[in-house]
Amino acid sequence: MGSFLCPNGTLFNQEYFVCDWWYNVDCNEAISSYGLNARIGVVEE
């Protein structure tokens, strides 16, 4: 497990797992995307 900081002017977009411009990220909606973490590393059959 690692960590990183997003560059100035950006926030972590939980929906896409990327640093995105602050105006594209709705922090109030981030909680609804937490379940996406469970899919990391899962191989679709």
PDB file of N, CA and C in Angstrom:
ATOM      1  N   MET A   1       0.860  -1.173   0.000  1.00  0.00           N
ATOM      2  CA  MET A   1       0.000   0.000   0.000  1.00  0.00           C
ATOM      3  C   MET A   1       0.898   1.225   0.000  1.00  0.00           C
ATOM      4  N   GLY A   2       0.584   2.153  -0.832  1.00  0.00           N
ATOM      5  CA  GLY A   2       1.366   3.371  -0.906  1.00  0.00           C
ATOM      6  C   GLY A   2       0.479   4.590  -0.743  1.00  0.00           C
ATOM      7  N   SER A   3       1.096   5.724  -0.792  1.00  0.00           N
ATOM      8  CA  SER A   3       0.335   6.962  -0.726  1.00  0.00           C
ATOM      9  C   SER A   3       1.000   7.992  -1.628  1.00  0.00           C
ATOM     10  N   PHE A   4       0.263   9.007  -1.979  1.00  0.00           N
ATOM     11  CA  PHE A   4       0.783  10.080  -2.808  1.00  0.00           C
ATOM     12  C   PHE A   4      -0.058  11.321  -2.579  1.00  0.00           C
ATOM     13  N   LEU A   5       0.452  12.438  -3.013  1.00  0.00           N
ATOM     14  CA  LEU A   5      -0.284  13.692  -2.945  1.00  0.00           C
ATOM     15  C   LEU A   5      -0.635  14.120  -4.357  1.00  0.00           C
ATOM     16  N   CYS A   6      -1.821  14.639  -4.521  1.00  0.00           N
ATOM     17  CA  CYS A   6      -2.204  15.190  -5.818  1.00  0.00           C
ATOM     18  C   CYS A   6      -1.539  16.560  -5.983  1.00  0.00           C
ATOM     19  N   PRO A   7      -1.218  16.933  -7.222  1.00  0.00           N
ATOM     20  CA  PRO A   7      -0.612  18.247  -7.466  1.00  0.00           C
ATOM     21  C   PRO A   7      -1.540  19.389  -7.034  1.00  0.00           C
ATOM     22  N   ASN A   8      -0.958  20.558  -6.850  1.00  0.00           N
ATOM     23  CA  ASN A   8      -1.735  21.738  -6.466  1.00  0.00           C
ATOM     24  C   ASN A   8      -2.881  21.969  -7.443  1.00  0.00           C
ATOM     25  N   GLY A   9      -4.032  22.315  -6.910  1.00  0.00           N
ATOM     26  CA  GLY A   9      -5.201  22.607  -7.727  1.00  0.00           C
ATOM     27  C   GLY A   9      -6.019  21.386  -8.090  1.00  0.00           C
ATOM     28  N   THR A  10      -5.584  20.199  -7.623  1.00  0.00           N
ATOM     29  CA  THR A  10      -6.319  18.976  -7.927  1.00  0.00           C
ATOM     30  C   THR A  10      -6.704  18.256  -6.637  1.00  0.00           C
ATOM     31  N   LEU A  11      -7.694  17.387  -6.764  1.00  0.00           N
ATOM     32  CA  LEU A  11      -8.153  16.537  -5.666  1.00  0.00           C
ATOM     33  C   LEU A  11      -8.248  15.120  -6.187  1.00  0.00           C
ATOM     34  N   PHE A  12      -8.226  14.151  -5.276  1.00  0.00           N
ATOM     35  CA  PHE A  12      -8.355  12.764  -5.705  1.00  0.00           C
ATOM     36  C   PHE A  12      -9.806  12.484  -6.059  1.00  0.00           C
ATOM     37  N   ASN A  13     -10.040  12.023  -7.279  1.00  0.00           N
ATOM     38  CA  ASN A  13     -11.377  11.672  -7.748  1.00  0.00           C
ATOM     39  C   ASN A  13     -11.592  10.194  -7.469  1.00  0.00           C
ATOM     40  N   GLN A  14     -12.390   9.895  -6.449  1.00  0.00           N
ATOM     41  CA  GLN A  14     -12.615   8.526  -5.988  1.00  0.00           C
ATOM     42  C   GLN A  14     -13.291   7.671  -7.057  1.00  0.00           C
ATOM     43  N   GLU A  15     -14.061   8.284  -7.934  1.00  0.00           N
ATOM     44  CA  GLU A  15     -14.782   7.535  -8.969  1.00  0.00           C
ATOM     45  C   GLU A  15     -13.840   6.986 -10.038  1.00  0.00           C
ATOM     46  N   TYR A  16     -12.800   7.762 -10.389  1.00  0.00           N
ATOM     47  CA  TYR A  16     -11.889   7.372 -11.471  1.00  0.00           C
ATOM     48  C   TYR A  16     -10.485   7.010 -10.990  1.00  0.00           C
ATOM     49  N   PHE A  17     -10.216   7.150  -9.687  1.00  0.00           N
ATOM     50  CA  PHE A  17      -8.903   6.842  -9.097  1.00  0.00           C
ATOM     51  C   PHE A  17      -7.784   7.674  -9.702  1.00  0.00           C
ATOM     52  N   VAL A  18      -8.041   8.943  -9.929  1.00  0.00           N
ATOM     53  CA  VAL A  18      -7.039   9.857 -10.483  1.00  0.00           C
ATOM     54  C   VAL A  18      -7.122  11.197  -9.764  1.00  0.00           C
ATOM     55  N   CYS A  19      -6.047  11.967  -9.876  1.00  0.00           N
ATOM     56  CA  CYS A  19      -6.096  13.353  -9.441  1.00  0.00           C
ATOM     57  C   CYS A  19      -6.803  14.136 -10.542  1.00  0.00           C
ATOM     58  N   ASP A  20      -7.756  14.947 -10.153  1.00  0.00           N
ATOM     59  CA  ASP A  20      -8.574  15.679 -11.122  1.00  0.00           C
ATOM     60  C   ASP A  20      -8.666  17.129 -10.659  1.00  0.00           C
ATOM     61  N   TRP A  21      -9.003  18.013 -11.578  1.00  0.00           N
ATOM     62  CA  TRP A  21      -9.173  19.413 -11.199  1.00  0.00           C
ATOM     63  C   TRP A  21     -10.249  19.512 -10.125  1.00  0.00           C
ATOM     64  N   TRP A  22     -10.043  20.418  -9.184  1.00  0.00           N
ATOM     65  CA  TRP A  22     -10.934  20.552  -8.034  1.00  0.00           C
ATOM     66  C   TRP A  22     -12.385  20.741  -8.450  1.00  0.00           C
ATOM     67  N   TYR A  23     -12.629  21.425  -9.559  1.00  0.00           N
ATOM     68  CA  TYR A  23     -14.007  21.703  -9.962  1.00  0.00           C
ATOM     69  C   TYR A  23     -14.706  20.487 -10.573  1.00  0.00           C
ATOM     70  N   ASN A  24     -13.975  19.405 -10.828  1.00  0.00           N
ATOM     71  CA  ASN A  24     -14.569  18.166 -11.336  1.00  0.00           C
ATOM     72  C   ASN A  24     -14.868  17.160 -10.228  1.00  0.00           C
ATOM     73  N   VAL A  25     -14.437  17.453  -8.998  1.00  0.00           N
ATOM     74  CA  VAL A  25     -14.578  16.504  -7.890  1.00  0.00           C
ATOM     75  C   VAL A  25     -15.643  17.003  -6.920  1.00  0.00           C
ATOM     76  N   ASP A  26     -16.646  16.169  -6.665  1.00  0.00           N
ATOM     77  CA  ASP A  26     -17.680  16.479  -5.680  1.00  0.00           C
ATOM     78  C   ASP A  26     -17.388  15.652  -4.431  1.00  0.00           C
ATOM     79  N   CYS A  27     -16.738  16.256  -3.465  1.00  0.00           N
ATOM     80  CA  CYS A  27     -16.326  15.536  -2.257  1.00  0.00           C
ATOM     81  C   CYS A  27     -17.518  14.946  -1.506  1.00  0.00           C
ATOM     82  N   ASN A  28     -18.670  15.574  -1.592  1.00  0.00           N
ATOM     83  CA  ASN A  28     -19.859  15.050  -0.914  1.00  0.00           C
ATOM     84  C   ASN A  28     -20.335  13.743  -1.526  1.00  0.00           C
ATOM     85  N   GLU A  29     -19.995  13.479  -2.768  1.00  0.00           N
ATOM     86  CA  GLU A  29     -20.405  12.249  -3.449  1.00  0.00           C
ATOM     87  C   GLU A  29     -19.338  11.151  -3.368  1.00  0.00           C
ATOM     88  N   ALA A  30     -18.169  11.453  -2.831  1.00  0.00           N
ATOM     89  CA  ALA A  30     -17.066  10.485  -2.793  1.00  0.00           C
ATOM     90  C   ALA A  30     -17.443   9.210  -2.037  1.00  0.00           C
ATOM     91  N   ILE A  31     -18.202   9.340  -0.984  1.00  0.00           N
ATOM     92  CA  ILE A  31     -18.577   8.173  -0.177  1.00  0.00           C
ATOM     93  C   ILE A  31     -19.305   7.132  -1.017  1.00  0.00           C
ATOM     94  N   SER A  32     -20.106   7.577  -1.961  1.00  0.00           N
ATOM     95  CA  SER A  32     -20.850   6.626  -2.793  1.00  0.00           C
ATOM     96  C   SER A  32     -19.935   5.840  -3.727  1.00  0.00           C
ATOM     97  N   SER A  33     -18.679   6.266  -3.881  1.00  0.00           N
ATOM     98  CA  SER A  33     -17.729   5.563  -4.752  1.00  0.00           C
ATOM     99  C   SER A  33     -16.764   4.663  -3.981  1.00  0.00           C
ATOM    100  N   TYR A  34     -16.834   4.636  -2.661  1.00  0.00           N
ATOM    101  CA  TYR A  34     -15.907   3.829  -1.867  1.00  0.00           C
ATOM    102  C   TYR A  34     -15.971   2.353  -2.229  1.00  0.00           C
ATOM    103  N   GLY A  35     -17.130   1.857  -2.604  1.00  0.00           N
ATOM    104  CA  GLY A  35     -17.290   0.452  -2.965  1.00  0.00           C
ATOM    105  C   GLY A  35     -16.455   0.046  -4.170  1.00  0.00           C
ATOM    106  N   LEU A  36     -16.052   1.013  -4.991  1.00  0.00           N
ATOM    107  CA  LEU A  36     -15.222   0.707  -6.156  1.00  0.00           C
ATOM    108  C   LEU A  36     -13.864   0.144  -5.745  1.00  0.00           C
ATOM    109  N   ASN A  37     -13.403   0.469  -4.536  1.00  0.00           N
ATOM    110  CA  ASN A  37     -12.117  -0.040  -4.055  1.00  0.00           C
ATOM    111  C   ASN A  37     -12.103  -1.559  -3.981  1.00  0.00           C
ATOM    112  N   ALA A  38     -13.242  -2.165  -3.704  1.00  0.00           N
ATOM    113  CA  ALA A  38     -13.326  -3.621  -3.578  1.00  0.00           C
ATOM    114  C   ALA A  38     -13.086  -4.318  -4.914  1.00  0.00           C
ATOM    115  N   ARG A  39     -13.242  -3.593  -6.007  1.00  0.00           N
ATOM    116  CA  ARG A  39     -13.074  -4.192  -7.335  1.00  0.00           C
ATOM    117  C   ARG A  39     -11.630  -4.152  -7.831  1.00  0.00           C
ATOM    118  N   ILE A  40     -10.751  -3.466  -7.117  1.00  0.00           N
ATOM    119  CA  ILE A  40      -9.351  -3.373  -7.540  1.00  0.00           C
ATOM    120  C   ILE A  40      -8.721  -4.757  -7.496  1.00  0.00           C
ATOM    121  N   GLY A  41      -8.138  -5.178  -8.584  1.00  0.00           N
ATOM    122  CA  GLY A  41      -7.455  -6.463  -8.661  1.00  0.00           C
ATOM    123  C   GLY A  41      -8.349  -7.641  -8.984  1.00  0.00           C
ATOM    124  N   VAL A  42      -9.653  -7.426  -9.089  1.00  0.00           N
ATOM    125  CA  VAL A  42     -10.582  -8.510  -9.412  1.00  0.00           C
ATOM    126  C   VAL A  42     -10.551  -8.755 -10.917  1.00  0.00           C
ATOM    127  N   VAL A  43     -10.391 -10.008 -11.292  1.00  0.00           N
ATOM    128  CA  VAL A  43     -10.360 -10.379 -12.705  1.00  0.00           C
ATOM    129  C   VAL A  43     -11.761 -10.797 -13.129  1.00  0.00           C
ATOM    130  N   GLU A  44     -12.288 -10.105 -14.132  1.00  0.00           N
ATOM    131  CA  GLU A  44     -13.610 -10.443 -14.658  1.00  0.00           C
ATOM    132  C   GLU A  44     -13.520 -11.721 -15.472  1.00  0.00           C
ATOM    133  N   GLU A  45     -14.484 -12.604 -15.302  1.00  0.00           N
ATOM    134  CA  GLU A  45     -14.486 -13.859 -16.061  1.00  0.00           C
ATOM    135  C   GLU A  45     -15.319 -13.738 -17.311  1.00  0.00           C
TER     136      GLU A  45
END
